[in-house]
Amino acid sequence: MPSIAHAEHNWSPNYRRYMDENRSNGVTNEDMAINLLQTQLELSLIREDFQDQLRELRQAVNRDLDAMNRKVDDVRAGQLDISNMVADLKKSFRFSARSICEDGLPAQQT
């Protein structure tokens, strides 16, 4: 049984042909192992860079959402202020209309 560290694994039907072609091209198992390690390192660096960019993107989206939520809160507070002002004006007009009706209409000046 070959060891795990052994470079030759027969996991592919084309493996023997591929290995024979590489040997005839001067590519050794060591060369392939080095290339594999370099590729794994590059993939690791790419994955790390991707995760960093994704983290930055999430932070930017969260900042933008927070800013929009603050604007929505400001608009809602403004709407509440307007609603309260309208309610106060209605009360004021009702009070004024009631006092005019109770006191009688002012005499017209000619």
PDB file of N, CA and C in Angstrom:
ATOM      1  N   MET A   1       0.850  -1.171   0.000  1.00  0.00           N
ATOM      2  CA  MET A   1       0.000   0.000   0.000  1.00  0.00           C
ATOM      3  C   MET A   1       0.896   1.234   0.000  1.00  0.00           C
ATOM      4  N   PRO A   2       0.683   2.167  -0.946  1.00  0.00           N
ATOM      5  CA  PRO A   2       1.530   3.361  -0.992  1.00  0.00           C
ATOM      6  C   PRO A   2       1.195   4.298   0.159  1.00  0.00           C
ATOM      7  N   SER A   3       2.209   4.997   0.631  1.00  0.00           N
ATOM      8  CA  SER A   3       1.990   5.945   1.723  1.00  0.00           C
ATOM      9  C   SER A   3       1.286   7.186   1.200  1.00  0.00           C
ATOM     10  N   ILE A   4       0.715   7.964   2.113  1.00  0.00           N
ATOM     11  CA  ILE A   4       0.002   9.183   1.724  1.00  0.00           C
ATOM     12  C   ILE A   4       0.951  10.187   1.098  1.00  0.00           C
ATOM     13  N   ALA A   5       2.189  10.230   1.585  1.00  0.00           N
ATOM     14  CA  ALA A   5       3.157  11.190   1.066  1.00  0.00           C
ATOM     15  C   ALA A   5       3.685  10.784  -0.298  1.00  0.00           C
ATOM     16  N   HIS A   6       3.441   9.557  -0.716  1.00  0.00           N
ATOM     17  CA  HIS A   6       3.942   9.087  -2.004  1.00  0.00           C
ATOM     18  C   HIS A   6       3.255   9.851  -3.122  1.00  0.00           C
ATOM     19  N   ALA A   7       3.992  10.296  -4.125  1.00  0.00           N
ATOM     20  CA  ALA A   7       3.462  11.177  -5.163  1.00  0.00           C
ATOM     21  C   ALA A   7       2.616  10.448  -6.183  1.00  0.00           C
ATOM     22  N   GLU A   8       2.814   9.153  -6.367  1.00  0.00           N
ATOM     23  CA  GLU A   8       2.098   8.445  -7.417  1.00  0.00           C
ATOM     24  C   GLU A   8       0.867   7.747  -6.852  1.00  0.00           C
ATOM     25  N   HIS A   9      -0.290   8.287  -7.166  1.00  0.00           N
ATOM     26  CA  HIS A   9      -1.564   7.684  -6.782  1.00  0.00           C
ATOM     27  C   HIS A   9      -2.323   7.367  -8.061  1.00  0.00           C
ATOM     28  N   ASN A  10      -2.892   6.201  -8.128  1.00  0.00           N
ATOM     29  CA  ASN A  10      -3.624   5.787  -9.323  1.00  0.00           C
ATOM     30  C   ASN A  10      -5.098   6.121  -9.196  1.00  0.00           C
ATOM     31  N   TRP A  11      -5.431   7.385  -8.958  1.00  0.00           N
ATOM     32  CA  TRP A  11      -6.828   7.769  -8.777  1.00  0.00           C
ATOM     33  C   TRP A  11      -7.502   8.160 -10.077  1.00  0.00           C
ATOM     34  N   SER A  12      -6.739   8.301 -11.157  1.00  0.00           N
ATOM     35  CA  SER A  12      -7.323   8.705 -12.427  1.00  0.00           C
ATOM     36  C   SER A  12      -6.960   7.683 -13.499  1.00  0.00           C
ATOM     37  N   PRO A  13      -7.897   7.364 -14.409  1.00  0.00           N
ATOM     38  CA  PRO A  13      -7.554   6.425 -15.485  1.00  0.00           C
ATOM     39  C   PRO A  13      -6.481   6.984 -16.419  1.00  0.00           C
ATOM     40  N   ASN A  14      -6.381   8.284 -16.504  1.00  0.00           N
ATOM     41  CA  ASN A  14      -5.391   8.906 -17.381  1.00  0.00           C
ATOM     42  C   ASN A  14      -4.075   9.186 -16.671  1.00  0.00           C
ATOM     43  N   TYR A  15      -3.990   8.751 -15.421  1.00  0.00           N
ATOM     44  CA  TYR A  15      -2.827   9.091 -14.598  1.00  0.00           C
ATOM     45  C   TYR A  15      -1.521   8.574 -15.202  1.00  0.00           C
ATOM     46  N   ARG A  16      -1.500   7.310 -15.598  1.00  0.00           N
ATOM     47  CA  ARG A  16      -0.273   6.717 -16.149  1.00  0.00           C
ATOM     48  C   ARG A  16       0.163   7.452 -17.410  1.00  0.00           C
ATOM     49  N   ARG A  17      -0.776   7.725 -18.310  1.00  0.00           N
ATOM     50  CA  ARG A  17      -0.436   8.433 -19.552  1.00  0.00           C
ATOM     51  C   ARG A  17       0.098   9.823 -19.232  1.00  0.00           C
ATOM     52  N   TYR A  18      -0.560  10.510 -18.286  1.00  0.00           N
ATOM     53  CA  TYR A  18      -0.134  11.852 -17.884  1.00  0.00           C
ATOM     54  C   TYR A  18       1.279  11.817 -17.305  1.00  0.00           C
ATOM     55  N   MET A  19       1.541  10.847 -16.434  1.00  0.00           N
ATOM     56  CA  MET A  19       2.865  10.735 -15.827  1.00  0.00           C
ATOM     57  C   MET A  19       3.920  10.411 -16.877  1.00  0.00           C
ATOM     58  N   ASP A  20       3.591   9.518 -17.818  1.00  0.00           N
ATOM     59  CA  ASP A  20       4.546   9.176 -18.873  1.00  0.00           C
ATOM     60  C   ASP A  20       4.870  10.392 -19.725  1.00  0.00           C
ATOM     61  N   GLU A  21       3.854  11.206 -20.052  1.00  0.00           N
ATOM     62  CA  GLU A  21       4.087  12.423 -20.839  1.00  0.00           C
ATOM     63  C   GLU A  21       4.972  13.395 -20.071  1.00  0.00           C
ATOM     64  N   ASN A  22       4.710  13.555 -18.784  1.00  0.00           N
ATOM     65  CA  ASN A  22       5.509  14.475 -17.979  1.00  0.00           C
ATOM     66  C   ASN A  22       6.952  14.011 -17.865  1.00  0.00           C
ATOM     67  N   ARG A  23       7.164  12.713 -17.706  1.00  0.00           N
ATOM     68  CA  ARG A  23       8.541  12.206 -17.624  1.00  0.00           C
ATOM     69  C   ARG A  23       9.274  12.451 -18.930  1.00  0.00           C
ATOM     70  N   SER A  24       8.567  12.268 -20.057  1.00  0.00           N
ATOM     71  CA  SER A  24       9.228  12.486 -21.346  1.00  0.00           C
ATOM     72  C   SER A  24       9.505  13.969 -21.574  1.00  0.00           C
ATOM     73  N   ASN A  25       8.753  14.851 -20.910  1.00  0.00           N
ATOM     74  CA  ASN A  25       8.991  16.294 -21.024  1.00  0.00           C
ATOM     75  C   ASN A  25      10.010  16.784 -20.008  1.00  0.00           C
ATOM     76  N   GLY A  26      10.499  15.919 -19.173  1.00  0.00           N
ATOM     77  CA  GLY A  26      11.483  16.307 -18.176  1.00  0.00           C
ATOM     78  C   GLY A  26      10.867  16.793 -16.877  1.00  0.00           C
ATOM     79  N   VAL A  27       9.549  16.644 -16.708  1.00  0.00           N
ATOM     80  CA  VAL A  27       8.883  17.064 -15.479  1.00  0.00           C
ATOM     81  C   VAL A  27       8.969  15.909 -14.485  1.00  0.00           C
ATOM     82  N   THR A  28       9.501  16.209 -13.315  1.00  0.00           N
ATOM     83  CA  THR A  28       9.656  15.168 -12.295  1.00  0.00           C
ATOM     84  C   THR A  28       8.533  15.266 -11.268  1.00  0.00           C
ATOM     85  N   ASN A  29       8.460  14.243 -10.441  1.00  0.00           N
ATOM     86  CA  ASN A  29       7.481  14.263  -9.355  1.00  0.00           C
ATOM     87  C   ASN A  29       7.753  15.429  -8.413  1.00  0.00           C
ATOM     88  N   GLU A  30       9.021  15.731  -8.207  1.00  0.00           N
ATOM     89  CA  GLU A  30       9.373  16.865  -7.348  1.00  0.00           C
ATOM     90  C   GLU A  30       8.861  18.171  -7.941  1.00  0.00           C
ATOM     91  N   ASP A  31       9.023  18.323  -9.275  1.00  0.00           N
ATOM     92  CA  ASP A  31       8.522  19.535  -9.941  1.00  0.00           C
ATOM     93  C   ASP A  31       7.010  19.659  -9.758  1.00  0.00           C
ATOM     94  N   MET A  32       6.327  18.545  -9.935  1.00  0.00           N
ATOM     95  CA  MET A  32       4.870  18.581  -9.785  1.00  0.00           C
ATOM     96  C   MET A  32       4.482  18.870  -8.341  1.00  0.00           C
ATOM     97  N   ALA A  33       5.214  18.310  -7.386  1.00  0.00           N
ATOM     98  CA  ALA A  33       4.923  18.569  -5.974  1.00  0.00           C
ATOM     99  C   ALA A  33       5.151  20.038  -5.644  1.00  0.00           C
ATOM    100  N   ILE A  34       6.231  20.603  -6.172  1.00  0.00           N
ATOM    101  CA  ILE A  34       6.512  22.033  -5.949  1.00  0.00           C
ATOM    102  C   ILE A  34       5.408  22.880  -6.562  1.00  0.00           C
ATOM    103  N   ASN A  35       5.010  22.555  -7.793  1.00  0.00           N
ATOM    104  CA  ASN A  35       3.932  23.305  -8.448  1.00  0.00           C
ATOM    105  C   ASN A  35       2.630  23.194  -7.664  1.00  0.00           C
ATOM    106  N   LEU A  36       2.362  22.008  -7.141  1.00  0.00           N
ATOM    107  CA  LEU A  36       1.151  21.812  -6.347  1.00  0.00           C
ATOM    108  C   LEU A  36       1.192  22.662  -5.083  1.00  0.00           C
ATOM    109  N   LEU A  37       2.320  22.668  -4.399  1.00  0.00           N
ATOM    110  CA  LEU A  37       2.457  23.486  -3.191  1.00  0.00           C
ATOM    111  C   LEU A  37       2.311  24.973  -3.506  1.00  0.00           C
ATOM    112  N   GLN A  38       2.919  25.415  -4.617  1.00  0.00           N
ATOM    113  CA  GLN A  38       2.786  26.821  -5.015  1.00  0.00           C
ATOM    114  C   GLN A  38       1.330  27.161  -5.311  1.00  0.00           C
ATOM    115  N   THR A  39       0.651  26.259  -5.998  1.00  0.00           N
ATOM    116  CA  THR A  39      -0.757  26.490  -6.320  1.00  0.00           C
ATOM    117  C   THR A  39      -1.599  26.546  -5.052  1.00  0.00           C
ATOM    118  N   GLN A  40      -1.325  25.647  -4.109  1.00  0.00           N
ATOM    119  CA  GLN A  40      -2.068  25.661  -2.850  1.00  0.00           C
ATOM    120  C   GLN A  40      -1.824  26.956  -2.086  1.00  0.00           C
ATOM    121  N   LEU A  41      -0.581  27.429  -2.092  1.00  0.00           N
ATOM    122  CA  LEU A  41      -0.261  28.687  -1.418  1.00  0.00           C
ATOM    123  C   LEU A  41      -0.979  29.855  -2.090  1.00  0.00           C
ATOM    124  N   GLU A  42      -0.943  29.881  -3.429  1.00  0.00           N
ATOM    125  CA  GLU A  42      -1.628  30.950  -4.160  1.00  0.00           C
ATOM    126  C   GLU A  42      -3.126  30.933  -3.878  1.00  0.00           C
ATOM    127  N   LEU A  43      -3.715  29.741  -3.864  1.00  0.00           N
ATOM    128  CA  LEU A  43      -5.145  29.637  -3.567  1.00  0.00           C
ATOM    129  C   LEU A  43      -5.450  30.120  -2.160  1.00  0.00           C
ATOM    130  N   SER A  44      -4.570  29.797  -1.231  1.00  0.00           N
ATOM    131  CA  SER A  44      -4.760  30.252   0.144  1.00  0.00           C
ATOM    132  C   SER A  44      -4.715  31.775   0.212  1.00  0.00           C
ATOM    133  N   LEU A  45      -3.752  32.375  -0.498  1.00  0.00           N
ATOM    134  CA  LEU A  45      -3.639  33.838  -0.506  1.00  0.00           C
ATOM    135  C   LEU A  45      -4.840  34.479  -1.194  1.00  0.00           C
ATOM    136  N   ILE A  46      -5.288  33.866  -2.286  1.00  0.00           N
ATOM    137  CA  ILE A  46      -6.462  34.388  -3.000  1.00  0.00           C
ATOM    138  C   ILE A  46      -7.694  34.297  -2.107  1.00  0.00           C
ATOM    139  N   ARG A  47      -7.849  33.172  -1.410  1.00  0.00           N
ATOM    140  CA  ARG A  47      -8.990  32.992  -0.509  1.00  0.00           C
ATOM    141  C   ARG A  47      -8.959  34.040   0.605  1.00  0.00           C
ATOM    142  N   GLU A  48      -7.778  34.267   1.166  1.00  0.00           N
ATOM    143  CA  GLU A  48      -7.642  35.259   2.234  1.00  0.00           C
ATOM    144  C   GLU A  48      -7.968  36.660   1.724  1.00  0.00           C
ATOM    145  N   ASP A  49      -7.470  36.986   0.522  1.00  0.00           N
ATOM    146  CA  ASP A  49      -7.756  38.294  -0.071  1.00  0.00           C
ATOM    147  C   ASP A  49      -9.249  38.444  -0.340  1.00  0.00           C
ATOM    148  N   PHE A  50      -9.857  37.387  -0.858  1.00  0.00           N
ATOM    149  CA  PHE A  50     -11.292  37.414  -1.126  1.00  0.00           C
ATOM    150  C   PHE A  50     -12.078  37.636   0.160  1.00  0.00           C
ATOM    151  N   GLN A  51     -11.691  36.939   1.233  1.00  0.00           N
ATOM    152  CA  GLN A  51     -12.382  37.098   2.508  1.00  0.00           C
ATOM    153  C   GLN A  51     -12.211  38.516   3.053  1.00  0.00           C
ATOM    154  N   ASP A  52     -11.023  39.102   2.872  1.00  0.00           N
ATOM    155  CA  ASP A  52     -10.798  40.485   3.307  1.00  0.00           C
ATOM    156  C   ASP A  52     -11.690  41.447   2.530  1.00  0.00           C
ATOM    157  N   GLN A  53     -11.756  41.251   1.208  1.00  0.00           N
ATOM    158  CA  GLN A  53     -12.600  42.122   0.386  1.00  0.00           C
ATOM    159  C   GLN A  53     -14.070  41.958   0.749  1.00  0.00           C
ATOM    160  N   LEU A  54     -14.483  40.733   1.001  1.00  0.00           N
ATOM    161  CA  LEU A  54     -15.871  40.479   1.391  1.00  0.00           C
ATOM    162  C   LEU A  54     -16.182  41.145   2.726  1.00  0.00           C
ATOM    163  N   ARG A  55     -15.254  41.075   3.669  1.00  0.00           N
ATOM    164  CA  ARG A  55     -15.434  41.716   4.978  1.00  0.00           C
ATOM    165  C   ARG A  55     -15.562  43.235   4.805  1.00  0.00           C
ATOM    166  N   GLU A  56     -14.697  43.819   3.965  1.00  0.00           N
ATOM    167  CA  GLU A  56     -14.768  45.264   3.718  1.00  0.00           C
ATOM    168  C   GLU A  56     -16.090  45.643   3.062  1.00  0.00           C
ATOM    169  N   LEU A  57     -16.544  44.824   2.128  1.00  0.00           N
ATOM    170  CA  LEU A  57     -17.817  45.090   1.456  1.00  0.00           C
ATOM    171  C   LEU A  57     -18.974  45.033   2.447  1.00  0.00           C
ATOM    172  N   ARG A  58     -18.961  44.041   3.326  1.00  0.00           N
ATOM    173  CA  ARG A  58     -20.017  43.946   4.344  1.00  0.00           C
ATOM    174  C   ARG A  58     -20.010  45.163   5.257  1.00  0.00           C
ATOM    175  N   GLN A  59     -18.815  45.610   5.644  1.00  0.00           N
ATOM    176  CA  GLN A  59     -18.726  46.784   6.511  1.00  0.00           C
ATOM    177  C   GLN A  59     -19.262  48.020   5.794  1.00  0.00           C
ATOM    178  N   ALA A  60     -18.930  48.172   4.508  1.00  0.00           N
ATOM    179  CA  ALA A  60     -19.420  49.319   3.743  1.00  0.00           C
ATOM    180  C   ALA A  60     -20.940  49.273   3.616  1.00  0.00           C
ATOM    181  N   VAL A  61     -21.484  48.098   3.338  1.00  0.00           N
ATOM    182  CA  VAL A  61     -22.942  47.956   3.225  1.00  0.00           C
ATOM    183  C   VAL A  61     -23.604  48.274   4.560  1.00  0.00           C
ATOM    184  N   ASN A  62     -23.023  47.779   5.655  1.00  0.00           N
ATOM    185  CA  ASN A  62     -23.592  48.065   6.977  1.00  0.00           C
ATOM    186  C   ASN A  62     -23.543  49.552   7.294  1.00  0.00           C
ATOM    187  N   ARG A  63     -22.442  50.226   6.926  1.00  0.00           N
ATOM    188  CA  ARG A  63     -22.361  51.681   7.154  1.00  0.00           C
ATOM    189  C   ARG A  63     -23.439  52.408   6.355  1.00  0.00           C
ATOM    190  N   ASP A  64     -23.610  52.015   5.086  1.00  0.00           N
ATOM    191  CA  ASP A  64     -24.631  52.655   4.251  1.00  0.00           C
ATOM    192  C   ASP A  64     -26.033  52.395   4.792  1.00  0.00           C
ATOM    193  N   LEU A  65     -26.292  51.166   5.227  1.00  0.00           N
ATOM    194  CA  LEU A  65     -27.607  50.853   5.802  1.00  0.00           C
ATOM    195  C   LEU A  65     -27.857  51.646   7.076  1.00  0.00           C
ATOM    196  N   ASP A  66     -26.836  51.774   7.910  1.00  0.00           N
ATOM    197  CA  ASP A  66     -26.982  52.568   9.132  1.00  0.00           C
ATOM    198  C   ASP A  66     -27.301  54.019   8.800  1.00  0.00           C
ATOM    199  N   ALA A  67     -26.609  54.576   7.793  1.00  0.00           N
ATOM    200  CA  ALA A  67     -26.863  55.962   7.392  1.00  0.00           C
ATOM    201  C   ALA A  67     -28.291  56.114   6.866  1.00  0.00           C
ATOM    202  N   MET A  68     -28.742  55.165   6.050  1.00  0.00           N
ATOM    203  CA  MET A  68     -30.112  55.233   5.531  1.00  0.00           C
ATOM    204  C   MET A  68     -31.132  55.094   6.654  1.00  0.00           C
ATOM    205  N   ASN A  69     -30.862  54.212   7.601  1.00  0.00           N
ATOM    206  CA  ASN A  69     -31.781  54.056   8.738  1.00  0.00           C
ATOM    207  C   ASN A  69     -31.862  55.331   9.567  1.00  0.00           C
ATOM    208  N   ARG A  70     -30.734  56.025   9.724  1.00  0.00           N
ATOM    209  CA  ARG A  70     -30.767  57.304  10.451  1.00  0.00           C
ATOM    210  C   ARG A  70     -31.617  58.325   9.696  1.00  0.00           C
ATOM    211  N   LYS A  71     -31.505  58.347   8.363  1.00  0.00           N
ATOM    212  CA  LYS A  71     -32.324  59.272   7.575  1.00  0.00           C
ATOM    213  C   LYS A  71     -33.806  58.922   7.702  1.00  0.00           C
ATOM    214  N   VAL A  72     -34.117  57.636   7.663  1.00  0.00           N
ATOM    215  CA  VAL A  72     -35.513  57.205   7.827  1.00  0.00           C
ATOM    216  C   VAL A  72     -36.026  57.622   9.201  1.00  0.00           C
ATOM    217  N   ASP A  73     -35.199  57.448  10.228  1.00  0.00           N
ATOM    218  CA  ASP A  73     -35.596  57.867  11.578  1.00  0.00           C
ATOM    219  C   ASP A  73     -35.850  59.369  11.630  1.00  0.00           C
ATOM    220  N   ASP A  74     -34.995  60.155  10.945  1.00  0.00           N
ATOM    221  CA  ASP A  74     -35.190  61.606  10.907  1.00  0.00           C
ATOM    222  C   ASP A  74     -36.506  61.963  10.223  1.00  0.00           C
ATOM    223  N   VAL A  75     -36.809  61.275   9.112  1.00  0.00           N
ATOM    224  CA  VAL A  75     -38.065  61.535   8.396  1.00  0.00           C
ATOM    225  C   VAL A  75     -39.255  61.175   9.276  1.00  0.00           C
ATOM    226  N   ARG A  76     -39.183  60.047   9.955  1.00  0.00           N
ATOM    227  CA  ARG A  76     -40.287  59.639  10.839  1.00  0.00           C
ATOM    228  C   ARG A  76     -40.472  60.633  11.982  1.00  0.00           C
ATOM    229  N   ALA A  77     -39.359  61.113  12.530  1.00  0.00           N
ATOM    230  CA  ALA A  77     -39.454  62.112  13.601  1.00  0.00           C
ATOM    231  C   ALA A  77     -40.089  63.389  13.058  1.00  0.00           C
ATOM    232  N   GLY A  78     -39.725  63.776  11.835  1.00  0.00           N
ATOM    233  CA  GLY A  78     -40.329  64.951  11.214  1.00  0.00           C
ATOM    234  C   GLY A  78     -41.814  64.760  10.977  1.00  0.00           C
ATOM    235  N   GLN A  79     -42.199  63.570  10.527  1.00  0.00           N
ATOM    236  CA  GLN A  79     -43.617  63.283  10.318  1.00  0.00           C
ATOM    237  C   GLN A  79     -44.381  63.335  11.633  1.00  0.00           C
ATOM    238  N   LEU A  80     -43.788  62.833  12.691  1.00  0.00           N
ATOM    239  CA  LEU A  80     -44.432  62.874  14.000  1.00  0.00           C
ATOM    240  C   LEU A  80     -44.600  64.318  14.465  1.00  0.00           C
ATOM    241  N   ASP A  81     -43.568  65.143  14.249  1.00  0.00           N
ATOM    242  CA  ASP A  81     -43.669  66.560  14.604  1.00  0.00           C
ATOM    243  C   ASP A  81     -44.796  67.234  13.831  1.00  0.00           C
ATOM    244  N   ILE A  82     -44.892  66.929  12.533  1.00  0.00           N
ATOM    245  CA  ILE A  82     -45.951  67.522  11.707  1.00  0.00           C
ATOM    246  C   ILE A  82     -47.319  67.046  12.188  1.00  0.00           C
ATOM    247  N   SER A  83     -47.437  65.758  12.494  1.00  0.00           N
ATOM    248  CA  SER A  83     -48.714  65.223  12.991  1.00  0.00           C
ATOM    249  C   SER A  83     -49.121  65.901  14.287  1.00  0.00           C
ATOM    250  N   ASN A  84     -48.164  66.086  15.187  1.00  0.00           N
ATOM    251  CA  ASN A  84     -48.466  66.766  16.449  1.00  0.00           C
ATOM    252  C   ASN A  84     -48.859  68.220  16.214  1.00  0.00           C
ATOM    253  N   MET A  85     -48.186  68.878  15.274  1.00  0.00           N
ATOM    254  CA  MET A  85     -48.504  70.270  14.969  1.00  0.00           C
ATOM    255  C   MET A  85     -49.912  70.378  14.385  1.00  0.00           C
ATOM    256  N   VAL A  86     -50.269  69.461  13.491  1.00  0.00           N
ATOM    257  CA  VAL A  86     -51.614  69.461  12.900  1.00  0.00           C
ATOM    258  C   VAL A  86     -52.660  69.226  13.988  1.00  0.00           C
ATOM    259  N   ALA A  87     -52.385  68.292  14.887  1.00  0.00           N
ATOM    260  CA  ALA A  87     -53.327  68.028  15.981  1.00  0.00           C
ATOM    261  C   ALA A  87     -53.482  69.267  16.860  1.00  0.00           C
ATOM    262  N   ASP A  88     -52.373  69.945  17.161  1.00  0.00           N
ATOM    263  CA  ASP A  88     -52.439  71.172  17.963  1.00  0.00           C
ATOM    264  C   ASP A  88     -53.228  72.260  17.245  1.00  0.00           C
ATOM    265  N   LEU A  89     -53.019  72.396  15.934  1.00  0.00           N
ATOM    266  CA  LEU A  89     -53.753  73.405  15.163  1.00  0.00           C
ATOM    267  C   LEU A  89     -55.248  73.090  15.147  1.00  0.00           C
ATOM    268  N   LYS A  90     -55.600  71.810  14.997  1.00  0.00           N
ATOM    269  CA  LYS A  90     -57.015  71.428  15.016  1.00  0.00           C
ATOM    270  C   LYS A  90     -57.645  71.783  16.354  1.00  0.00           C
ATOM    271  N   LYS A  91     -56.933  71.480  17.445  1.00  0.00           N
ATOM    272  CA  LYS A  91     -57.445  71.828  18.771  1.00  0.00           C
ATOM    273  C   LYS A  91     -57.604  73.336  18.899  1.00  0.00           C
ATOM    274  N   SER A  92     -56.635  74.066  18.404  1.00  0.00           N
ATOM    275  CA  SER A  92     -56.677  75.525  18.494  1.00  0.00           C
ATOM    276  C   SER A  92     -57.852  76.081  17.700  1.00  0.00           C
ATOM    277  N   PHE A  93     -58.069  75.564  16.487  1.00  0.00           N
ATOM    278  CA  PHE A  93     -59.186  76.040  15.677  1.00  0.00           C
ATOM    279  C   PHE A  93     -60.517  75.666  16.317  1.00  0.00           C
ATOM    280  N   ARG A  94     -60.617  74.473  16.886  1.00  0.00           N
ATOM    281  CA  ARG A  94     -61.853  74.065  17.551  1.00  0.00           C
ATOM    282  C   ARG A  94     -62.133  74.980  18.743  1.00  0.00           C
ATOM    283  N   PHE A  95     -61.085  75.275  19.502  1.00  0.00           N
ATOM    284  CA  PHE A  95     -61.242  76.164  20.652  1.00  0.00           C
ATOM    285  C   PHE A  95     -61.666  77.555  20.187  1.00  0.00           C
ATOM    286  N   SER A  96     -61.021  78.055  19.128  1.00  0.00           N
ATOM    287  CA  SER A  96     -61.369  79.382  18.606  1.00  0.00           C
ATOM    288  C   SER A  96     -62.788  79.397  18.076  1.00  0.00           C
ATOM    289  N   ALA A  97     -63.177  78.370  17.351  1.00  0.00           N
ATOM    290  CA  ALA A  97     -64.529  78.317  16.791  1.00  0.00           C
ATOM    291  C   ALA A  97     -65.555  78.208  17.911  1.00  0.00           C
ATOM    292  N   ARG A  98     -65.264  77.441  18.953  1.00  0.00           N
ATOM    293  CA  ARG A  98     -66.172  77.292  20.078  1.00  0.00           C
ATOM    294  C   ARG A  98     -66.342  78.621  20.808  1.00  0.00           C
ATOM    295  N   SER A  99     -65.235  79.328  21.032  1.00  0.00           N
ATOM    296  CA  SER A  99     -65.334  80.602  21.762  1.00  0.00           C
ATOM    297  C   SER A  99     -66.071  81.648  20.940  1.00  0.00           C
ATOM    298  N   ILE A 100     -65.920  81.602  19.617  1.00  0.00           N
ATOM    299  CA  ILE A 100     -66.650  82.548  18.769  1.00  0.00           C
ATOM    300  C   ILE A 100     -68.142  82.243  18.841  1.00  0.00           C
ATOM    301  N   CYS A 101     -68.500  80.977  18.791  1.00  0.00           N
ATOM    302  CA  CYS A 101     -69.910  80.594  18.858  1.00  0.00           C
ATOM    303  C   CYS A 101     -70.501  80.942  20.220  1.00  0.00           C
ATOM    304  N   GLU A 102     -69.744  80.746  21.281  1.00  0.00           N
ATOM    305  CA  GLU A 102     -70.258  81.044  22.615  1.00  0.00           C
ATOM    306  C   GLU A 102     -70.373  82.545  22.847  1.00  0.00           C
ATOM    307  N   ASP A 103     -69.410  83.309  22.380  1.00  0.00           N
ATOM    308  CA  ASP A 103     -69.403  84.753  22.608  1.00  0.00           C
ATOM    309  C   ASP A 103     -70.251  85.484  21.580  1.00  0.00           C
ATOM    310  N   GLY A 104     -70.600  84.823  20.545  1.00  0.00           N
ATOM    311  CA  GLY A 104     -71.345  85.481  19.487  1.00  0.00           C
ATOM    312  C   GLY A 104     -70.371  86.024  18.459  1.00  0.00           C
ATOM    313  N   LEU A 105     -70.887  86.211  17.275  1.00  0.00           N
ATOM    314  CA  LEU A 105     -70.040  86.740  16.216  1.00  0.00           C
ATOM    315  C   LEU A 105     -69.752  88.206  16.482  1.00  0.00           C
ATOM    316  N   PRO A 106     -68.568  88.636  16.185  1.00  0.00           N
ATOM    317  CA  PRO A 106     -68.266  90.054  16.382  1.00  0.00           C
ATOM    318  C   PRO A 106     -69.108  90.906  15.437  1.00  0.00           C
ATOM    319  N   ALA A 107     -69.433  92.058  15.888  1.00  0.00           N
ATOM    320  CA  ALA A 107     -70.252  92.962  15.076  1.00  0.00           C
ATOM    321  C   ALA A 107     -69.446  93.405  13.874  1.00  0.00           C
ATOM    322  N   GLN A 108     -70.180  93.512  12.770  1.00  0.00           N
ATOM    323  CA  GLN A 108     -69.502  93.961  11.566  1.00  0.00           C
ATOM    324  C   GLN A 108     -69.324  95.460  11.623  1.00  0.00           C
ATOM    325  N   GLN A 109     -68.179  95.882  11.230  1.00  0.00           N
ATOM    326  CA  GLN A 109     -67.921  97.318  11.207  1.00  0.00           C
ATOM    327  C   GLN A 109     -68.267  97.849   9.833  1.00  0.00           C
ATOM    328  N   THR A 110     -68.916  98.970   9.815  1.00  0.00           N
ATOM    329  CA  THR A 110     -69.292  99.577   8.542  1.00  0.00           C
ATOM    330  C   THR A 110     -68.600 100.874   8.336  1.00  0.00           C
TER     331      THR A 110
END
